[in-house]
Amino acid sequence: MADENGRKKIAITAEGSQLHAENQQPLEQIQARLQARMVGCELRKNPQMKRALENFKAVLDLKVNQQEITEAQLKQIVGVIDRAAMEISQLD
């Protein structure tokens, strides 16, 4: 069956509806992760923001993944990140 534009009409089957309903929660989780990635994508379009984010990731990688750090150092890093997030959230 075709619509007025000559395109084939499609409809979800009862089995497809059931499968969709059963997988609604994982689908919502995937959509949330994709949405979060899209926000990051928009940020990286600005060259200055891209540079700053890449610098941040590189420093974290050097400090956390490529050398031994103490629990106290890890707490300091987390504190710096939390304070930066707080400052950014308070910008007008």
N, C-alpha and C. Protein backbone atom coordinates (compact mmCIF):
# COMPACT_ATOMS: atom_id res chain seq x y z
N MET A 1 0.85 -1.17 0.00
CA MET A 1 0.00 0.00 0.00
C MET A 1 0.90 1.24 0.00
N ALA A 2 0.52 2.27 -0.76
CA ALA A 2 1.32 3.49 -0.86
C ALA A 2 0.46 4.69 -0.49
N ASP A 3 1.13 5.75 -0.01
CA ASP A 3 0.39 6.97 0.31
C ASP A 3 0.29 7.84 -0.93
N GLU A 4 -0.20 9.06 -0.76
CA GLU A 4 -0.42 9.95 -1.90
C GLU A 4 0.87 10.37 -2.61
N ASN A 5 2.02 10.27 -1.92
CA ASN A 5 3.30 10.63 -2.54
C ASN A 5 4.00 9.43 -3.16
N GLY A 6 3.33 8.29 -3.17
CA GLY A 6 3.91 7.10 -3.75
C GLY A 6 4.88 6.37 -2.84
N ARG A 7 4.96 6.80 -1.61
CA ARG A 7 5.86 6.15 -0.66
C ARG A 7 5.14 5.01 0.04
N LYS A 8 5.87 3.97 0.32
CA LYS A 8 5.29 2.81 0.98
C LYS A 8 4.97 3.15 2.43
N LYS A 9 3.77 2.78 2.87
CA LYS A 9 3.39 2.98 4.26
C LYS A 9 3.92 1.81 5.07
N ILE A 10 4.45 2.11 6.21
CA ILE A 10 4.92 1.06 7.10
C ILE A 10 4.28 1.24 8.47
N ALA A 11 4.16 0.15 9.19
CA ALA A 11 3.59 0.20 10.54
C ALA A 11 4.31 -0.82 11.40
N ILE A 12 4.40 -0.53 12.67
CA ILE A 12 5.06 -1.43 13.60
C ILE A 12 4.12 -2.60 13.90
N THR A 13 4.67 -3.78 13.98
CA THR A 13 3.88 -4.96 14.29
C THR A 13 3.63 -5.04 15.79
N ALA A 14 2.72 -5.92 16.18
CA ALA A 14 2.46 -6.13 17.61
C ALA A 14 3.73 -6.62 18.29
N GLU A 15 4.46 -7.50 17.63
CA GLU A 15 5.72 -8.00 18.19
C GLU A 15 6.74 -6.87 18.33
N GLY A 16 6.79 -5.99 17.36
CA GLY A 16 7.69 -4.84 17.42
C GLY A 16 7.32 -3.89 18.54
N SER A 17 6.03 -3.67 18.73
CA SER A 17 5.57 -2.81 19.83
C SER A 17 5.95 -3.40 21.18
N GLN A 18 5.80 -4.72 21.30
CA GLN A 18 6.15 -5.37 22.56
C GLN A 18 7.66 -5.27 22.81
N LEU A 19 8.45 -5.51 21.78
CA LEU A 19 9.90 -5.40 21.90
C LEU A 19 10.31 -3.99 22.31
N HIS A 20 9.68 -3.01 21.69
CA HIS A 20 9.96 -1.60 22.03
C HIS A 20 9.62 -1.31 23.49
N ALA A 21 8.47 -1.78 23.93
CA ALA A 21 8.05 -1.55 25.32
C ALA A 21 8.99 -2.22 26.30
N GLU A 22 9.43 -3.42 25.97
CA GLU A 22 10.34 -4.16 26.86
C GLU A 22 11.71 -3.51 26.95
N ASN A 23 12.09 -2.77 25.94
CA ASN A 23 13.42 -2.16 25.90
C ASN A 23 13.39 -0.65 26.06
N GLN A 24 12.31 -0.13 26.60
CA GLN A 24 12.17 1.32 26.74
C GLN A 24 13.24 1.92 27.65
N GLN A 25 13.50 1.29 28.79
CA GLN A 25 14.48 1.83 29.73
C GLN A 25 15.90 1.85 29.13
N PRO A 26 16.38 0.74 28.54
CA PRO A 26 17.71 0.82 27.91
C PRO A 26 17.76 1.85 26.78
N LEU A 27 16.68 1.97 26.04
CA LEU A 27 16.62 2.95 24.97
C LEU A 27 16.75 4.37 25.52
N GLU A 28 16.06 4.65 26.61
CA GLU A 28 16.15 5.98 27.23
C GLU A 28 17.56 6.25 27.74
N GLN A 29 18.23 5.23 28.28
CA GLN A 29 19.60 5.40 28.76
C GLN A 29 20.54 5.71 27.60
N ILE A 30 20.36 5.02 26.50
CA ILE A 30 21.19 5.27 25.30
C ILE A 30 20.94 6.68 24.78
N GLN A 31 19.67 7.08 24.73
CA GLN A 31 19.35 8.42 24.25
C GLN A 31 19.95 9.49 25.15
N ALA A 32 19.96 9.27 26.45
CA ALA A 32 20.55 10.24 27.39
C ALA A 32 22.05 10.35 27.15
N ARG A 33 22.71 9.21 26.94
CA ARG A 33 24.16 9.24 26.67
C ARG A 33 24.45 9.95 25.35
N LEU A 34 23.64 9.70 24.34
CA LEU A 34 23.82 10.39 23.06
C LEU A 34 23.61 11.89 23.20
N GLN A 35 22.61 12.27 23.97
CA GLN A 35 22.34 13.69 24.20
C GLN A 35 23.53 14.36 24.89
N ALA A 36 24.10 13.67 25.87
CA ALA A 36 25.26 14.22 26.57
C ALA A 36 26.44 14.38 25.62
N ARG A 37 26.62 13.43 24.71
CA ARG A 37 27.71 13.53 23.74
C ARG A 37 27.48 14.68 22.76
N MET A 38 26.21 14.92 22.41
CA MET A 38 25.91 16.00 21.47
C MET A 38 26.24 17.35 22.08
N VAL A 39 26.03 17.51 23.37
CA VAL A 39 26.39 18.75 24.06
C VAL A 39 27.89 18.96 23.94
N GLY A 40 28.66 17.93 24.19
CA GLY A 40 30.12 18.03 24.05
C GLY A 40 30.53 18.36 22.63
N CYS A 41 29.81 17.84 21.67
CA CYS A 41 30.11 18.11 20.26
C CYS A 41 29.94 19.59 19.95
N GLU A 42 28.88 20.18 20.44
CA GLU A 42 28.66 21.61 20.22
C GLU A 42 29.77 22.44 20.85
N LEU A 43 30.20 22.05 22.05
CA LEU A 43 31.28 22.77 22.72
C LEU A 43 32.57 22.72 21.92
N ARG A 44 32.86 21.57 21.33
CA ARG A 44 34.12 21.40 20.61
C ARG A 44 34.15 22.11 19.26
N LYS A 45 33.03 22.66 18.83
CA LYS A 45 33.03 23.42 17.57
C LYS A 45 33.77 24.74 17.73
N ASN A 46 33.83 25.26 18.95
CA ASN A 46 34.56 26.49 19.22
C ASN A 46 36.04 26.12 19.41
N PRO A 47 36.95 26.68 18.59
CA PRO A 47 38.36 26.29 18.67
C PRO A 47 38.99 26.51 20.05
N GLN A 48 38.62 27.59 20.72
CA GLN A 48 39.19 27.85 22.04
C GLN A 48 38.68 26.83 23.05
N MET A 49 37.40 26.50 22.97
CA MET A 49 36.83 25.50 23.87
C MET A 49 37.44 24.13 23.59
N LYS A 50 37.61 23.81 22.31
CA LYS A 50 38.20 22.53 21.94
C LYS A 50 39.61 22.42 22.52
N ARG A 51 40.40 23.48 22.38
CA ARG A 51 41.76 23.48 22.91
C ARG A 51 41.75 23.30 24.42
N ALA A 52 40.87 24.04 25.10
CA ALA A 52 40.80 23.96 26.56
C ALA A 52 40.39 22.56 27.02
N LEU A 53 39.40 21.97 26.36
CA LEU A 53 38.96 20.62 26.74
C LEU A 53 40.04 19.58 26.48
N GLU A 54 40.73 19.71 25.35
CA GLU A 54 41.82 18.77 25.04
C GLU A 54 42.96 18.92 26.04
N ASN A 55 43.27 20.14 26.43
CA ASN A 55 44.30 20.40 27.43
C ASN A 55 43.91 19.76 28.76
N PHE A 56 42.64 19.94 29.15
CA PHE A 56 42.13 19.37 30.39
C PHE A 56 42.25 17.85 30.38
N LYS A 57 41.83 17.23 29.29
CA LYS A 57 41.91 15.77 29.18
C LYS A 57 43.35 15.28 29.23
N ALA A 58 44.24 16.01 28.56
CA ALA A 58 45.65 15.60 28.53
C ALA A 58 46.27 15.68 29.93
N VAL A 59 45.99 16.76 30.65
CA VAL A 59 46.53 16.91 32.00
C VAL A 59 46.00 15.82 32.92
N LEU A 60 44.70 15.55 32.83
CA LEU A 60 44.12 14.48 33.65
C LEU A 60 44.76 13.14 33.32
N ASP A 61 44.94 12.88 32.05
CA ASP A 61 45.56 11.62 31.64
C ASP A 61 46.97 11.50 32.21
N LEU A 62 47.74 12.57 32.11
CA LEU A 62 49.11 12.55 32.65
C LEU A 62 49.13 12.34 34.16
N LYS A 63 48.26 13.04 34.86
CA LYS A 63 48.24 12.97 36.32
C LYS A 63 47.66 11.67 36.85
N VAL A 64 46.58 11.21 36.26
CA VAL A 64 45.83 10.09 36.83
C VAL A 64 46.20 8.75 36.20
N ASN A 65 46.38 8.72 34.91
CA ASN A 65 46.59 7.43 34.24
C ASN A 65 48.05 7.06 34.01
N GLN A 66 48.93 8.04 34.01
CA GLN A 66 50.30 7.74 33.61
C GLN A 66 51.30 7.85 34.74
N GLN A 67 50.81 8.06 35.93
CA GLN A 67 51.70 8.05 37.09
C GLN A 67 50.90 7.67 38.32
N GLU A 68 51.60 7.23 39.32
CA GLU A 68 50.94 6.87 40.57
C GLU A 68 50.53 8.15 41.30
N ILE A 69 49.29 8.17 41.80
CA ILE A 69 48.85 9.30 42.60
C ILE A 69 48.28 8.76 43.91
N THR A 70 48.40 9.58 44.91
CA THR A 70 47.89 9.18 46.23
C THR A 70 46.40 9.50 46.32
N GLU A 71 45.78 8.97 47.34
CA GLU A 71 44.37 9.26 47.59
C GLU A 71 44.18 10.76 47.85
N ALA A 72 45.13 11.37 48.54
CA ALA A 72 45.06 12.81 48.83
C ALA A 72 45.14 13.62 47.52
N GLN A 73 46.02 13.21 46.60
CA GLN A 73 46.13 13.91 45.32
C GLN A 73 44.84 13.76 44.51
N LEU A 74 44.29 12.56 44.55
CA LEU A 74 43.04 12.33 43.83
C LEU A 74 41.92 13.21 44.39
N LYS A 75 41.87 13.34 45.71
CA LYS A 75 40.87 14.22 46.33
C LYS A 75 41.08 15.66 45.90
N GLN A 76 42.34 16.10 45.80
CA GLN A 76 42.62 17.47 45.36
C GLN A 76 42.14 17.67 43.93
N ILE A 77 42.40 16.70 43.06
CA ILE A 77 41.97 16.81 41.66
C ILE A 77 40.46 16.89 41.58
N VAL A 78 39.77 16.04 42.32
CA VAL A 78 38.31 16.05 42.34
C VAL A 78 37.80 17.40 42.85
N GLY A 79 38.45 17.94 43.87
CA GLY A 79 38.06 19.24 44.40
C GLY A 79 38.21 20.35 43.38
N VAL A 80 39.31 20.33 42.64
CA VAL A 80 39.54 21.34 41.59
C VAL A 80 38.44 21.24 40.53
N ILE A 81 38.11 20.04 40.11
CA ILE A 81 37.07 19.84 39.10
C ILE A 81 35.72 20.31 39.63
N ASP A 82 35.40 19.94 40.87
CA ASP A 82 34.13 20.36 41.46
C ASP A 82 34.04 21.88 41.56
N ARG A 83 35.13 22.53 41.97
CA ARG A 83 35.11 24.00 42.08
C ARG A 83 34.95 24.65 40.71
N ALA A 84 35.63 24.10 39.71
CA ALA A 84 35.50 24.64 38.35
C ALA A 84 34.06 24.50 37.85
N ALA A 85 33.46 23.35 38.12
CA ALA A 85 32.07 23.14 37.71
C ALA A 85 31.15 24.13 38.40
N MET A 86 31.39 24.36 39.67
CA MET A 86 30.57 25.31 40.43
C MET A 86 30.72 26.72 39.86
N GLU A 87 31.94 27.12 39.57
CA GLU A 87 32.17 28.46 39.02
C GLU A 87 31.47 28.61 37.67
N ILE A 88 31.58 27.59 36.83
CA ILE A 88 30.95 27.65 35.50
C ILE A 88 29.44 27.74 35.65
N SER A 89 28.88 26.97 36.59
CA SER A 89 27.42 26.99 36.76
C SER A 89 26.92 28.33 37.26
N GLN A 90 27.76 29.13 37.88
CA GLN A 90 27.34 30.43 38.42
C GLN A 90 27.56 31.58 37.44
N LEU A 91 28.09 31.30 36.26
CA LEU A 91 28.27 32.35 35.26
C LEU A 91 26.92 32.80 34.73
N ASP A 92 26.82 34.08 34.41
CA ASP A 92 25.56 34.61 33.84
C ASP A 92 25.44 34.26 32.39
